[in-house]
Amino acid sequence: MKILAIEKELQPVDWKNETNTLIEEAKSVYKLMLSDFLREIYFTENKNAVLILECESKKIAEQILQKLPLIQKQIIGFELMELNPYTGLSRLMNEE
């Protein structure tokens, strides 16, 4: 199952004071990519992370993300959404 995770800051942060945390976060992200749970990662124009995860459920995705250093420090959280296949094209097959 594909899961979309959109990051949100939980509190104002002076990122200059979080250099070590950001390095640890990058290491954790790299490990998630190697494990095949994390398929894609982006930043929005507002610098919020957007992740595409592949796992069995939203609950598993949540458990995986809870291990990230920025979440453990309660700096960020994620809104999780299941991504389901688009079925709209099937409407074209029913046209007469």
N, C-alpha and C. Protein backbone atom coordinates (compact mmCIF):
# COMPACT_ATOMS: atom_id res chain seq x y z
N MET A 1 0.84 -1.16 0.00
CA MET A 1 0.00 0.00 0.00
C MET A 1 0.89 1.24 0.00
N LYS A 2 0.51 2.22 -0.82
CA LYS A 2 1.25 3.48 -0.84
C LYS A 2 0.62 4.43 0.18
N ILE A 3 1.49 5.12 0.91
CA ILE A 3 1.06 6.07 1.91
C ILE A 3 1.71 7.41 1.60
N LEU A 4 0.91 8.46 1.57
CA LEU A 4 1.41 9.81 1.43
C LEU A 4 1.54 10.41 2.82
N ALA A 5 2.72 10.94 3.14
CA ALA A 5 2.96 11.56 4.45
C ALA A 5 3.38 13.01 4.22
N ILE A 6 2.61 13.93 4.78
CA ILE A 6 2.91 15.35 4.63
C ILE A 6 3.30 15.90 6.00
N GLU A 7 4.49 16.47 6.05
CA GLU A 7 5.05 16.96 7.32
C GLU A 7 4.45 18.28 7.73
N LYS A 8 4.31 18.46 9.03
CA LYS A 8 3.89 19.73 9.59
C LYS A 8 4.74 20.01 10.83
N GLU A 9 5.16 21.24 10.98
CA GLU A 9 5.92 21.62 12.18
C GLU A 9 4.96 21.73 13.35
N LEU A 10 5.36 21.18 14.49
CA LEU A 10 4.51 21.20 15.68
C LEU A 10 4.80 22.39 16.57
N GLN A 11 5.96 23.00 16.35
CA GLN A 11 6.36 24.15 17.16
C GLN A 11 7.35 24.99 16.35
N PRO A 12 7.45 26.27 16.67
CA PRO A 12 8.47 27.08 15.99
C PRO A 12 9.87 26.54 16.30
N VAL A 13 10.72 26.54 15.28
CA VAL A 13 12.04 25.93 15.44
C VAL A 13 13.11 26.86 14.90
N ASP A 14 14.20 27.00 15.64
CA ASP A 14 15.39 27.66 15.11
C ASP A 14 16.27 26.55 14.55
N TRP A 15 16.17 26.33 13.24
CA TRP A 15 16.83 25.20 12.59
C TRP A 15 18.35 25.25 12.72
N LYS A 16 18.91 26.45 12.95
CA LYS A 16 20.36 26.57 13.13
C LYS A 16 20.82 25.83 14.38
N ASN A 17 19.93 25.68 15.35
CA ASN A 17 20.26 24.96 16.59
C ASN A 17 20.01 23.45 16.48
N GLU A 18 19.52 23.01 15.35
CA GLU A 18 19.16 21.60 15.17
C GLU A 18 20.03 20.90 14.14
N THR A 19 21.23 21.40 13.91
CA THR A 19 22.11 20.83 12.89
C THR A 19 22.35 19.34 13.11
N ASN A 20 22.67 18.95 14.33
CA ASN A 20 22.94 17.53 14.61
C ASN A 20 21.69 16.68 14.42
N THR A 21 20.55 17.22 14.82
CA THR A 21 19.29 16.49 14.63
C THR A 21 19.01 16.30 13.15
N LEU A 22 19.26 17.34 12.35
CA LEU A 22 19.02 17.24 10.91
C LEU A 22 19.95 16.23 10.24
N ILE A 23 21.18 16.13 10.73
CA ILE A 23 22.10 15.11 10.21
C ILE A 23 21.58 13.72 10.56
N GLU A 24 21.13 13.54 11.78
CA GLU A 24 20.57 12.23 12.19
C GLU A 24 19.29 11.92 11.41
N GLU A 25 18.50 12.95 11.14
CA GLU A 25 17.28 12.76 10.34
C GLU A 25 17.64 12.27 8.94
N ALA A 26 18.65 12.90 8.33
CA ALA A 26 19.08 12.50 6.98
C ALA A 26 19.58 11.05 6.98
N LYS A 27 20.29 10.65 8.01
CA LYS A 27 20.75 9.25 8.11
C LYS A 27 19.56 8.31 8.21
N SER A 28 18.57 8.68 9.01
CA SER A 28 17.38 7.84 9.16
C SER A 28 16.60 7.74 7.86
N VAL A 29 16.49 8.86 7.15
CA VAL A 29 15.79 8.85 5.85
C VAL A 29 16.53 7.93 4.87
N TYR A 30 17.84 8.01 4.87
CA TYR A 30 18.63 7.16 3.99
C TYR A 30 18.39 5.68 4.30
N LYS A 31 18.35 5.33 5.58
CA LYS A 31 18.09 3.94 5.96
C LYS A 31 16.69 3.50 5.53
N LEU A 32 15.71 4.41 5.63
CA LEU A 32 14.36 4.07 5.18
C LEU A 32 14.32 3.83 3.67
N MET A 33 15.10 4.62 2.94
CA MET A 33 15.15 4.41 1.49
C MET A 33 15.79 3.07 1.16
N LEU A 34 16.84 2.73 1.87
CA LEU A 34 17.50 1.43 1.64
C LEU A 34 16.60 0.26 2.00
N SER A 35 15.73 0.46 2.98
CA SER A 35 14.83 -0.61 3.42
C SER A 35 13.63 -0.78 2.49
N ASP A 36 13.48 0.13 1.53
CA ASP A 36 12.36 0.11 0.57
C ASP A 36 11.03 0.56 1.17
N PHE A 37 11.00 1.03 2.40
CA PHE A 37 9.76 1.60 2.94
C PHE A 37 9.53 2.99 2.37
N LEU A 38 10.59 3.76 2.24
CA LEU A 38 10.50 5.11 1.71
C LEU A 38 10.84 5.08 0.23
N ARG A 39 9.86 5.39 -0.61
CA ARG A 39 10.05 5.32 -2.05
C ARG A 39 10.45 6.66 -2.66
N GLU A 40 9.87 7.75 -2.13
CA GLU A 40 10.15 9.09 -2.66
C GLU A 40 10.09 10.08 -1.51
N ILE A 41 10.87 11.18 -1.64
CA ILE A 41 10.82 12.25 -0.66
C ILE A 41 11.08 13.57 -1.36
N TYR A 42 10.32 14.57 -0.96
CA TYR A 42 10.41 15.89 -1.56
C TYR A 42 10.28 16.95 -0.47
N PHE A 43 10.59 18.20 -0.84
CA PHE A 43 10.24 19.36 -0.03
C PHE A 43 9.25 20.20 -0.83
N THR A 44 8.26 20.76 -0.16
CA THR A 44 7.35 21.70 -0.80
C THR A 44 8.05 23.06 -0.89
N GLU A 45 7.40 23.99 -1.54
CA GLU A 45 7.95 25.34 -1.63
C GLU A 45 8.09 25.99 -0.25
N ASN A 46 7.34 25.48 0.73
CA ASN A 46 7.42 25.99 2.10
C ASN A 46 8.37 25.18 2.98
N LYS A 47 9.13 24.29 2.37
CA LYS A 47 10.14 23.47 3.05
C LYS A 47 9.54 22.37 3.93
N ASN A 48 8.29 21.97 3.66
CA ASN A 48 7.71 20.82 4.36
C ASN A 48 8.02 19.56 3.58
N ALA A 49 8.36 18.51 4.30
CA ALA A 49 8.69 17.23 3.66
C ALA A 49 7.41 16.53 3.21
N VAL A 50 7.50 15.89 2.05
CA VAL A 50 6.42 15.06 1.52
C VAL A 50 7.04 13.71 1.19
N LEU A 51 6.53 12.65 1.80
CA LEU A 51 7.08 11.32 1.61
C LEU A 51 6.05 10.40 0.97
N ILE A 52 6.53 9.50 0.15
CA ILE A 52 5.72 8.40 -0.37
C ILE A 52 6.32 7.13 0.23
N LEU A 53 5.52 6.45 1.03
CA LEU A 53 5.97 5.22 1.69
C LEU A 53 5.25 4.03 1.06
N GLU A 54 5.87 2.89 1.13
CA GLU A 54 5.26 1.64 0.68
C GLU A 54 5.31 0.69 1.86
N CYS A 55 4.14 0.38 2.42
CA CYS A 55 4.08 -0.56 3.55
C CYS A 55 2.68 -1.15 3.65
N GLU A 56 2.48 -2.01 4.61
CA GLU A 56 1.25 -2.79 4.70
C GLU A 56 0.03 -1.97 5.13
N SER A 57 0.24 -0.90 5.90
CA SER A 57 -0.89 -0.14 6.41
C SER A 57 -0.44 1.24 6.88
N LYS A 58 -1.42 2.12 7.13
CA LYS A 58 -1.11 3.43 7.70
C LYS A 58 -0.49 3.27 9.08
N LYS A 59 -0.96 2.29 9.82
CA LYS A 59 -0.43 2.06 11.17
C LYS A 59 1.06 1.72 11.12
N ILE A 60 1.45 0.86 10.19
CA ILE A 60 2.87 0.50 10.02
C ILE A 60 3.66 1.75 9.62
N ALA A 61 3.11 2.54 8.69
CA ALA A 61 3.79 3.77 8.26
C ALA A 61 4.01 4.70 9.45
N GLU A 62 3.00 4.82 10.28
CA GLU A 62 3.11 5.67 11.48
C GLU A 62 4.21 5.16 12.41
N GLN A 63 4.27 3.85 12.60
CA GLN A 63 5.31 3.26 13.45
C GLN A 63 6.70 3.51 12.88
N ILE A 64 6.83 3.43 11.58
CA ILE A 64 8.13 3.66 10.92
C ILE A 64 8.54 5.12 11.12
N LEU A 65 7.61 6.04 10.90
CA LEU A 65 7.93 7.47 11.00
C LEU A 65 8.23 7.89 12.43
N GLN A 66 7.66 7.20 13.41
CA GLN A 66 7.90 7.54 14.81
C GLN A 66 9.37 7.40 15.21
N LYS A 67 10.14 6.70 14.41
CA LYS A 67 11.56 6.49 14.70
C LYS A 67 12.43 7.65 14.22
N LEU A 68 11.86 8.56 13.44
CA LEU A 68 12.64 9.69 12.92
C LEU A 68 13.00 10.66 14.06
N PRO A 69 14.22 11.14 14.08
CA PRO A 69 14.66 12.03 15.16
C PRO A 69 13.81 13.29 15.33
N LEU A 70 13.36 13.91 14.24
CA LEU A 70 12.55 15.12 14.38
C LEU A 70 11.19 14.84 14.99
N ILE A 71 10.67 13.65 14.77
CA ILE A 71 9.41 13.26 15.41
C ILE A 71 9.66 12.94 16.88
N GLN A 72 10.73 12.23 17.16
CA GLN A 72 11.05 11.89 18.54
C GLN A 72 11.26 13.14 19.40
N LYS A 73 11.79 14.20 18.80
CA LYS A 73 11.98 15.46 19.52
C LYS A 73 10.72 16.33 19.50
N GLN A 74 9.64 15.80 18.92
CA GLN A 74 8.35 16.47 18.82
C GLN A 74 8.45 17.83 18.13
N ILE A 75 9.31 17.89 17.11
CA ILE A 75 9.46 19.10 16.30
C ILE A 75 8.48 19.07 15.12
N ILE A 76 8.30 17.88 14.54
CA ILE A 76 7.39 17.73 13.41
C ILE A 76 6.44 16.56 13.65
N GLY A 77 5.42 16.51 12.84
CA GLY A 77 4.51 15.38 12.77
C GLY A 77 4.16 15.17 11.30
N PHE A 78 3.40 14.14 11.01
CA PHE A 78 2.99 13.86 9.64
C PHE A 78 1.50 13.59 9.58
N GLU A 79 0.87 14.09 8.53
CA GLU A 79 -0.48 13.68 8.19
C GLU A 79 -0.34 12.54 7.19
N LEU A 80 -0.96 11.41 7.48
CA LEU A 80 -0.85 10.23 6.63
C LEU A 80 -2.14 9.97 5.87
N MET A 81 -2.00 9.62 4.59
CA MET A 81 -3.14 9.29 3.75
C MET A 81 -2.81 8.10 2.89
N GLU A 82 -3.75 7.16 2.79
CA GLU A 82 -3.58 6.04 1.87
C GLU A 82 -3.76 6.55 0.45
N LEU A 83 -2.93 6.07 -0.45
CA LEU A 83 -3.09 6.36 -1.88
C LEU A 83 -3.62 5.11 -2.55
N ASN A 84 -4.79 5.25 -3.14
CA ASN A 84 -5.43 4.12 -3.82
C ASN A 84 -5.35 4.33 -5.32
N PRO A 85 -5.39 3.24 -6.08
CA PRO A 85 -5.33 3.37 -7.54
C PRO A 85 -6.49 4.21 -8.08
N TYR A 86 -6.21 4.97 -9.10
CA TYR A 86 -7.23 5.76 -9.77
C TYR A 86 -8.11 4.82 -10.59
N THR A 87 -9.40 4.89 -10.37
CA THR A 87 -10.33 4.00 -11.07
C THR A 87 -11.16 4.73 -12.13
N GLY A 88 -10.92 6.03 -12.29
CA GLY A 88 -11.72 6.83 -13.20
C GLY A 88 -11.65 6.39 -14.66
N LEU A 89 -10.55 5.83 -15.07
CA LEU A 89 -10.43 5.41 -16.47
C LEU A 89 -11.40 4.29 -16.83
N SER A 90 -11.84 3.56 -15.81
CA SER A 90 -12.80 2.48 -16.10
C SER A 90 -14.10 3.05 -16.66
N ARG A 91 -14.39 4.32 -16.39
CA ARG A 91 -15.59 4.95 -16.93
C ARG A 91 -15.53 5.03 -18.46
N LEU A 92 -14.34 5.13 -18.98
CA LEU A 92 -14.18 5.22 -20.44
C LEU A 92 -14.54 3.89 -21.11
N MET A 93 -14.35 2.81 -20.42
CA MET A 93 -14.62 1.48 -20.99
C MET A 93 -16.12 1.22 -21.06
N ASN A 94 -16.92 1.99 -20.30
CA ASN A 94 -18.36 1.79 -20.29
C ASN A 94 -19.08 2.73 -21.23
N GLU A 95 -18.33 3.56 -21.98
CA GLU A 95 -18.97 4.47 -22.92
C GLU A 95 -19.52 3.70 -24.12
N GLU A 96 -20.59 4.20 -24.68
CA GLU A 96 -21.18 3.54 -25.85
C GLU A 96 -20.92 4.35 -27.09
